[in-house]
Amino acid sequence: MMSLLKGCVKVISDSGGLHKEAFMLKKPCVVVLRTTAWEETLAGNCNVLARPHEILEKTLNTSIDYSQYEQNYYGDGTTAEKIIEVLSKC
């Protein structure tokens, strides 16, 4: 699935996990839900919520404000190293 995400232009999904992964890969995602548990992914149109009658319009007309990626919502990718460092001191 990650390979498909890397190669796509946009995503349409009702999967919470998939729209979070789309966010992490900087792919615009139209989320076919009324709400999301990942509200931070809505910033800058990284993800947009769409009701059924809005799916086509939002898919065609949504673009990301990439400055939102300056915020690091999910860490810096070094968690494993930090855990190893803490455990090695035990």
C-alpha atoms as a PDB file:
ATOM      1  CA  MET A   1       0.000   0.000   0.000  1.00  0.00           C
ATOM      2  CA  MET A   2       2.845   2.391   0.766  1.00  0.00           C
ATOM      3  CA  SER A   3       4.212   1.824  -2.730  1.00  0.00           C
ATOM      4  CA  LEU A   4       0.851   2.782  -4.217  1.00  0.00           C
ATOM      5  CA  LEU A   5       0.732   5.866  -2.010  1.00  0.00           C
ATOM      6  CA  LYS A   6       4.217   6.939  -3.064  1.00  0.00           C
ATOM      7  CA  GLY A   7       3.244   6.733  -6.730  1.00  0.00           C
ATOM      8  CA  CYS A   8      -0.133   8.459  -6.572  1.00  0.00           C
ATOM      9  CA  VAL A   9      -1.063  12.093  -7.033  1.00  0.00           C
ATOM     10  CA  LYS A  10      -4.038  12.193  -4.641  1.00  0.00           C
ATOM     11  CA  VAL A  11      -5.895   9.800  -2.352  1.00  0.00           C
ATOM     12  CA  ILE A  12      -9.595   9.289  -1.723  1.00  0.00           C
ATOM     13  CA  SER A  13     -10.245   7.204   1.370  1.00  0.00           C
ATOM     14  CA  ASP A  14     -12.428   6.485   4.362  1.00  0.00           C
ATOM     15  CA  SER A  15      -9.535   4.808   6.185  1.00  0.00           C
ATOM     16  CA  GLY A  16      -8.078   6.705   9.124  1.00  0.00           C
ATOM     17  CA  GLY A  17      -4.770   4.910   8.783  1.00  0.00           C
ATOM     18  CA  LEU A  18      -4.521   5.597   5.077  1.00  0.00           C
ATOM     19  CA  HIS A  19      -5.199   9.289   5.332  1.00  0.00           C
ATOM     20  CA  LYS A  20      -2.578   9.603   8.059  1.00  0.00           C
ATOM     21  CA  GLU A  21      -0.072   7.788   5.823  1.00  0.00           C
ATOM     22  CA  ALA A  22      -1.035  10.064   2.918  1.00  0.00           C
ATOM     23  CA  PHE A  23      -0.321  13.039   5.169  1.00  0.00           C
ATOM     24  CA  MET A  24       3.090  11.655   6.078  1.00  0.00           C
ATOM     25  CA  LEU A  25       3.930  11.152   2.391  1.00  0.00           C
ATOM     26  CA  LYS A  26       2.665  14.657   1.514  1.00  0.00           C
ATOM     27  CA  LYS A  27      -0.120  13.379  -0.704  1.00  0.00           C
ATOM     28  CA  PRO A  28      -3.408  15.307  -0.706  1.00  0.00           C
ATOM     29  CA  CYS A  29      -6.212  13.139   0.604  1.00  0.00           C
ATOM     30  CA  VAL A  30      -9.955  13.531   0.302  1.00  0.00           C
ATOM     31  CA  VAL A  31     -11.337  11.852   3.402  1.00  0.00           C
ATOM     32  CA  VAL A  32     -14.833  10.502   2.877  1.00  0.00           C
ATOM     33  CA  LEU A  33     -15.873  10.886   6.498  1.00  0.00           C
ATOM     34  CA  ARG A  34     -17.665  13.521   8.537  1.00  0.00           C
ATOM     35  CA  THR A  35     -14.847  13.713  11.105  1.00  0.00           C
ATOM     36  CA  THR A  36     -11.314  12.460  11.607  1.00  0.00           C
ATOM     37  CA  ALA A  37      -9.307  11.391  14.618  1.00  0.00           C
ATOM     38  CA  TRP A  38      -6.280  13.006  12.943  1.00  0.00           C
ATOM     39  CA  GLU A  39      -7.459  16.633  12.979  1.00  0.00           C
ATOM     40  CA  GLU A  40      -3.895  17.936  12.630  1.00  0.00           C
ATOM     41  CA  THR A  41      -3.802  16.448   9.106  1.00  0.00           C
ATOM     42  CA  LEU A  42      -6.524  18.892   8.027  1.00  0.00           C
ATOM     43  CA  ALA A  43      -4.172  21.874   8.384  1.00  0.00           C
ATOM     44  CA  GLY A  44      -3.178  23.350   5.061  1.00  0.00           C
ATOM     45  CA  ASN A  45      -5.567  21.049   3.151  1.00  0.00           C
ATOM     46  CA  CYS A  46      -3.225  18.105   3.609  1.00  0.00           C
ATOM     47  CA  ASN A  47      -6.436  16.163   4.154  1.00  0.00           C
ATOM     48  CA  VAL A  48      -9.920  17.478   3.475  1.00  0.00           C
ATOM     49  CA  LEU A  49     -13.190  16.041   4.710  1.00  0.00           C
ATOM     50  CA  ALA A  50     -15.816  15.423   2.035  1.00  0.00           C
ATOM     51  CA  ARG A  51     -19.408  14.339   2.047  1.00  0.00           C
ATOM     52  CA  PRO A  52     -20.445  12.127  -0.866  1.00  0.00           C
ATOM     53  CA  HIS A  53     -21.659  15.015  -3.040  1.00  0.00           C
ATOM     54  CA  GLU A  54     -18.330  16.880  -2.523  1.00  0.00           C
ATOM     55  CA  ILE A  55     -15.883  14.096  -3.421  1.00  0.00           C
ATOM     56  CA  LEU A  56     -15.330  15.004  -7.080  1.00  0.00           C
ATOM     57  CA  GLU A  57     -15.060  18.755  -6.488  1.00  0.00           C
ATOM     58  CA  LYS A  58     -12.612  18.365  -3.609  1.00  0.00           C
ATOM     59  CA  THR A  59     -10.562  15.769  -5.483  1.00  0.00           C
ATOM     60  CA  LEU A  60     -10.180  18.085  -8.468  1.00  0.00           C
ATOM     61  CA  ASN A  61      -9.681  21.353  -6.587  1.00  0.00           C
ATOM     62  CA  THR A  62      -7.739  20.642  -3.396  1.00  0.00           C
ATOM     63  CA  SER A  63      -4.093  21.538  -3.131  1.00  0.00           C
ATOM     64  CA  ILE A  64      -1.772  21.357  -0.138  1.00  0.00           C
ATOM     65  CA  ASP A  65      -0.175  24.274   1.659  1.00  0.00           C
ATOM     66  CA  TYR A  66       3.199  22.573   2.158  1.00  0.00           C
ATOM     67  CA  SER A  67       4.254  25.059   4.851  1.00  0.00           C
ATOM     68  CA  GLN A  68       2.139  22.934   7.241  1.00  0.00           C
ATOM     69  CA  TYR A  69       4.855  20.300   7.076  1.00  0.00           C
ATOM     70  CA  GLU A  70       7.187  22.588   8.994  1.00  0.00           C
ATOM     71  CA  GLN A  71       5.236  21.446  12.065  1.00  0.00           C
ATOM     72  CA  ASN A  72       6.407  18.044  13.174  1.00  0.00           C
ATOM     73  CA  TYR A  73       3.208  16.409  14.447  1.00  0.00           C
ATOM     74  CA  TYR A  74       4.472  12.836  14.584  1.00  0.00           C
ATOM     75  CA  GLY A  75       8.097  13.059  15.690  1.00  0.00           C
ATOM     76  CA  ASP A  76      11.377  13.281  13.838  1.00  0.00           C
ATOM     77  CA  GLY A  77      11.912   9.627  12.922  1.00  0.00           C
ATOM     78  CA  THR A  78      14.487   8.975  15.629  1.00  0.00           C
ATOM     79  CA  THR A  79      12.280   7.281  18.239  1.00  0.00           C
ATOM     80  CA  ALA A  80      13.947   3.871  17.903  1.00  0.00           C
ATOM     81  CA  GLU A  81      17.366   5.378  18.520  1.00  0.00           C
ATOM     82  CA  LYS A  82      16.094   7.219  21.593  1.00  0.00           C
ATOM     83  CA  ILE A  83      14.553   4.029  23.008  1.00  0.00           C
ATOM     84  CA  ILE A  84      17.791   2.114  22.461  1.00  0.00           C
ATOM     85  CA  GLU A  85      19.736   4.862  24.185  1.00  0.00           C
ATOM     86  CA  VAL A  86      17.448   4.771  27.239  1.00  0.00           C
ATOM     87  CA  LEU A  87      17.451   0.953  27.395  1.00  0.00           C
ATOM     88  CA  SER A  88      21.222   0.744  27.102  1.00  0.00           C
ATOM     89  CA  LYS A  89      21.507   2.777  30.316  1.00  0.00           C
ATOM     90  CA  CYS A  90      19.392   0.251  32.289  1.00  0.00           C
END
